[in-house]
Amino acid sequence: MSKQEKTLAAIFHDPPSSNIHWRDVESLLNHLNAEIVAHGAQLHVTVNGVEGMLHRPHHGATLSKAEIRHLREFLAACGIS
């Protein structure tokens, strides 16, 4: 299992893990050929023609459970699960 597959599995694991690092999410998005436009901590991301806004974590390098749920919903809307 690749690093991106492990990150994707962690994102969709229930209950959400509190140990997903932002650098791993960035790696996954790059692997998915996402178009990313940064505006400070806000990222305008396009994957498979679906646009969304993501936020880099403000404190620490890991995502909160709410951020993971938001990322999960965005990826699901993109047809990725």
N, C-alpha and C. Protein backbone atom coordinates (compact mmCIF):
# COMPACT_ATOMS: atom_id res chain seq x y z
N MET A 1 0.85 -1.18 0.00
CA MET A 1 0.00 0.00 0.00
C MET A 1 0.90 1.24 0.00
N SER A 2 0.63 2.15 -0.94
CA SER A 2 1.43 3.36 -1.05
C SER A 2 1.08 4.35 0.06
N LYS A 3 1.95 5.34 0.21
CA LYS A 3 1.72 6.38 1.23
C LYS A 3 0.40 7.10 0.98
N GLN A 4 0.09 7.39 -0.30
CA GLN A 4 -1.15 8.08 -0.62
C GLN A 4 -2.36 7.21 -0.30
N GLU A 5 -2.27 5.90 -0.55
CA GLU A 5 -3.37 5.00 -0.23
C GLU A 5 -3.60 4.94 1.28
N LYS A 6 -2.52 4.95 2.04
CA LYS A 6 -2.64 4.94 3.50
C LYS A 6 -3.28 6.23 4.00
N THR A 7 -2.90 7.36 3.41
CA THR A 7 -3.48 8.64 3.79
C THR A 7 -4.97 8.66 3.46
N LEU A 8 -5.32 8.18 2.27
CA LEU A 8 -6.73 8.14 1.87
C LEU A 8 -7.54 7.24 2.80
N ALA A 9 -6.98 6.09 3.16
CA ALA A 9 -7.67 5.18 4.08
C ALA A 9 -7.86 5.85 5.44
N ALA A 10 -6.87 6.60 5.90
CA ALA A 10 -6.97 7.29 7.19
C ALA A 10 -8.04 8.38 7.14
N ILE A 11 -8.14 9.07 6.02
CA ILE A 11 -9.15 10.13 5.87
C ILE A 11 -10.56 9.56 5.95
N PHE A 12 -10.77 8.38 5.35
CA PHE A 12 -12.11 7.80 5.31
C PHE A 12 -12.38 6.83 6.46
N HIS A 13 -11.42 6.66 7.36
CA HIS A 13 -11.62 5.78 8.51
C HIS A 13 -12.62 6.41 9.47
N ASP A 14 -13.47 5.57 10.06
CA ASP A 14 -14.43 6.08 11.04
C ASP A 14 -14.17 5.42 12.37
N PRO A 15 -14.05 6.12 13.45
CA PRO A 15 -14.12 7.58 13.58
C PRO A 15 -12.87 8.24 13.01
N PRO A 16 -12.96 9.52 12.66
CA PRO A 16 -11.81 10.21 12.07
C PRO A 16 -10.58 10.15 12.98
N SER A 17 -9.44 9.89 12.36
CA SER A 17 -8.18 9.86 13.09
C SER A 17 -7.77 11.29 13.43
N SER A 18 -7.07 11.45 14.52
CA SER A 18 -6.56 12.78 14.86
C SER A 18 -5.06 12.86 14.58
N ASN A 19 -4.59 11.98 13.71
CA ASN A 19 -3.16 11.91 13.45
C ASN A 19 -2.86 11.97 11.95
N ILE A 20 -3.60 12.79 11.21
CA ILE A 20 -3.34 12.96 9.78
C ILE A 20 -2.57 14.26 9.61
N HIS A 21 -1.40 14.15 9.04
CA HIS A 21 -0.52 15.31 8.87
C HIS A 21 -0.83 16.04 7.57
N TRP A 22 -0.77 17.35 7.62
CA TRP A 22 -1.07 18.17 6.45
C TRP A 22 -0.14 17.85 5.29
N ARG A 23 1.13 17.58 5.57
CA ARG A 23 2.08 17.28 4.48
C ARG A 23 1.64 16.02 3.73
N ASP A 24 1.01 15.05 4.43
CA ASP A 24 0.51 13.85 3.77
C ASP A 24 -0.69 14.17 2.89
N VAL A 25 -1.53 15.10 3.34
CA VAL A 25 -2.69 15.53 2.54
C VAL A 25 -2.21 16.24 1.28
N GLU A 26 -1.21 17.11 1.42
CA GLU A 26 -0.65 17.79 0.25
C GLU A 26 -0.07 16.79 -0.74
N SER A 27 0.61 15.77 -0.24
CA SER A 27 1.16 14.73 -1.09
C SER A 27 0.05 13.99 -1.83
N LEU A 28 -1.04 13.68 -1.12
CA LEU A 28 -2.19 13.02 -1.74
C LEU A 28 -2.80 13.90 -2.83
N LEU A 29 -3.00 15.18 -2.53
CA LEU A 29 -3.58 16.09 -3.52
C LEU A 29 -2.69 16.19 -4.76
N ASN A 30 -1.39 16.25 -4.58
CA ASN A 30 -0.46 16.27 -5.72
C ASN A 30 -0.57 14.97 -6.51
N HIS A 31 -0.68 13.85 -5.81
CA HIS A 31 -0.83 12.55 -6.46
C HIS A 31 -2.11 12.49 -7.30
N LEU A 32 -3.15 13.18 -6.84
CA LEU A 32 -4.44 13.23 -7.54
C LEU A 32 -4.46 14.28 -8.65
N ASN A 33 -3.31 14.91 -8.90
CA ASN A 33 -3.18 15.97 -9.91
C ASN A 33 -4.12 17.13 -9.64
N ALA A 34 -4.27 17.48 -8.38
CA ALA A 34 -5.13 18.60 -8.00
C ALA A 34 -4.50 19.92 -8.44
N GLU A 35 -5.36 20.83 -8.86
CA GLU A 35 -4.93 22.21 -9.11
C GLU A 35 -5.14 22.96 -7.81
N ILE A 36 -4.09 23.59 -7.30
CA ILE A 36 -4.16 24.26 -6.00
C ILE A 36 -3.72 25.70 -6.16
N VAL A 37 -4.57 26.61 -5.69
CA VAL A 37 -4.23 28.04 -5.66
C VAL A 37 -4.32 28.46 -4.20
N ALA A 38 -3.19 28.90 -3.65
CA ALA A 38 -3.15 29.27 -2.23
C ALA A 38 -3.45 30.74 -2.04
N HIS A 39 -4.24 31.03 -1.02
CA HIS A 39 -4.53 32.39 -0.56
C HIS A 39 -4.29 32.37 0.95
N GLY A 40 -3.04 32.48 1.34
CA GLY A 40 -2.70 32.35 2.75
C GLY A 40 -2.93 30.92 3.20
N ALA A 41 -3.72 30.74 4.26
CA ALA A 41 -4.02 29.40 4.77
C ALA A 41 -5.15 28.74 3.99
N GLN A 42 -5.86 29.52 3.16
CA GLN A 42 -6.95 28.96 2.36
C GLN A 42 -6.41 28.46 1.02
N LEU A 43 -6.92 27.31 0.62
CA LEU A 43 -6.52 26.73 -0.66
C LEU A 43 -7.76 26.51 -1.51
N HIS A 44 -7.71 27.01 -2.73
CA HIS A 44 -8.76 26.72 -3.70
C HIS A 44 -8.26 25.50 -4.46
N VAL A 45 -8.96 24.38 -4.33
CA VAL A 45 -8.51 23.10 -4.87
C VAL A 45 -9.50 22.60 -5.90
N THR A 46 -8.98 22.11 -7.03
CA THR A 46 -9.82 21.49 -8.05
C THR A 46 -9.30 20.09 -8.31
N VAL A 47 -10.19 19.10 -8.17
CA VAL A 47 -9.86 17.70 -8.43
C VAL A 47 -11.00 17.12 -9.27
N ASN A 48 -10.66 16.51 -10.39
CA ASN A 48 -11.67 15.89 -11.28
C ASN A 48 -12.77 16.87 -11.65
N GLY A 49 -12.42 18.15 -11.82
CA GLY A 49 -13.39 19.16 -12.21
C GLY A 49 -14.24 19.71 -11.08
N VAL A 50 -14.04 19.20 -9.86
CA VAL A 50 -14.80 19.67 -8.70
C VAL A 50 -13.95 20.66 -7.92
N GLU A 51 -14.51 21.83 -7.65
CA GLU A 51 -13.79 22.87 -6.93
C GLU A 51 -14.21 22.90 -5.47
N GLY A 52 -13.24 23.21 -4.60
CA GLY A 52 -13.54 23.33 -3.19
C GLY A 52 -12.49 24.17 -2.49
N MET A 53 -12.80 24.54 -1.27
CA MET A 53 -11.87 25.30 -0.44
C MET A 53 -11.42 24.41 0.71
N LEU A 54 -10.12 24.37 0.93
CA LEU A 54 -9.54 23.66 2.06
C LEU A 54 -8.71 24.65 2.85
N HIS A 55 -8.43 24.34 4.09
CA HIS A 55 -7.66 25.22 4.95
C HIS A 55 -6.49 24.45 5.54
N ARG A 56 -5.32 25.06 5.47
CA ARG A 56 -4.18 24.48 6.17
C ARG A 56 -4.43 24.61 7.67
N PRO A 57 -3.99 23.63 8.44
CA PRO A 57 -4.17 23.73 9.90
C PRO A 57 -3.45 24.97 10.45
N HIS A 58 -4.10 25.67 11.35
CA HIS A 58 -3.51 26.88 11.92
C HIS A 58 -2.55 26.57 13.05
N HIS A 59 -2.85 25.53 13.82
CA HIS A 59 -2.00 25.19 14.96
C HIS A 59 -1.51 23.77 14.78
N GLY A 60 -0.22 23.61 14.66
CA GLY A 60 0.33 22.28 14.51
C GLY A 60 0.24 21.79 13.08
N ALA A 61 0.72 20.59 12.86
CA ALA A 61 0.79 20.04 11.52
C ALA A 61 -0.27 19.00 11.24
N THR A 62 -1.15 18.71 12.22
CA THR A 62 -2.17 17.69 12.01
C THR A 62 -3.54 18.35 11.85
N LEU A 63 -4.42 17.64 11.15
CA LEU A 63 -5.76 18.14 10.91
C LEU A 63 -6.68 17.82 12.08
N SER A 64 -7.59 18.73 12.35
CA SER A 64 -8.61 18.47 13.37
C SER A 64 -9.63 17.50 12.78
N LYS A 65 -10.47 16.94 13.63
CA LYS A 65 -11.49 16.01 13.15
C LYS A 65 -12.48 16.72 12.22
N ALA A 66 -12.78 17.97 12.50
CA ALA A 66 -13.67 18.75 11.63
C ALA A 66 -13.03 18.96 10.26
N GLU A 67 -11.73 19.26 10.24
CA GLU A 67 -11.02 19.44 8.97
C GLU A 67 -10.98 18.13 8.18
N ILE A 68 -10.83 17.01 8.87
CA ILE A 68 -10.82 15.71 8.21
C ILE A 68 -12.19 15.42 7.61
N ARG A 69 -13.26 15.71 8.34
CA ARG A 69 -14.61 15.49 7.81
C ARG A 69 -14.85 16.36 6.57
N HIS A 70 -14.39 17.60 6.60
CA HIS A 70 -14.54 18.49 5.45
C HIS A 70 -13.75 17.95 4.25
N LEU A 71 -12.53 17.50 4.49
CA LEU A 71 -11.70 16.93 3.43
C LEU A 71 -12.36 15.67 2.86
N ARG A 72 -12.89 14.83 3.73
CA ARG A 72 -13.57 13.60 3.32
C ARG A 72 -14.76 13.95 2.41
N GLU A 73 -15.56 14.93 2.80
CA GLU A 73 -16.71 15.33 1.98
C GLU A 73 -16.27 15.86 0.62
N PHE A 74 -15.20 16.65 0.61
CA PHE A 74 -14.69 17.19 -0.66
C PHE A 74 -14.21 16.06 -1.56
N LEU A 75 -13.42 15.14 -1.03
CA LEU A 75 -12.91 14.03 -1.85
C LEU A 75 -14.04 13.15 -2.37
N ALA A 76 -15.05 12.91 -1.54
CA ALA A 76 -16.19 12.11 -1.96
C ALA A 76 -16.93 12.81 -3.11
N ALA A 77 -17.07 14.13 -3.03
CA ALA A 77 -17.71 14.89 -4.10
C ALA A 77 -16.92 14.80 -5.40
N CYS A 78 -15.60 14.58 -5.27
CA CYS A 78 -14.71 14.45 -6.43
C CYS A 78 -14.73 13.02 -6.98
N GLY A 79 -15.47 12.12 -6.33
CA GLY A 79 -15.52 10.74 -6.78
C GLY A 79 -14.39 9.88 -6.24
N ILE A 80 -13.74 10.34 -5.16
CA ILE A 80 -12.61 9.63 -4.58
C ILE A 80 -13.03 9.12 -3.21
N SER A 81 -12.84 7.82 -3.01
CA SER A 81 -13.18 7.25 -1.70
C SER A 81 -12.23 6.11 -1.37
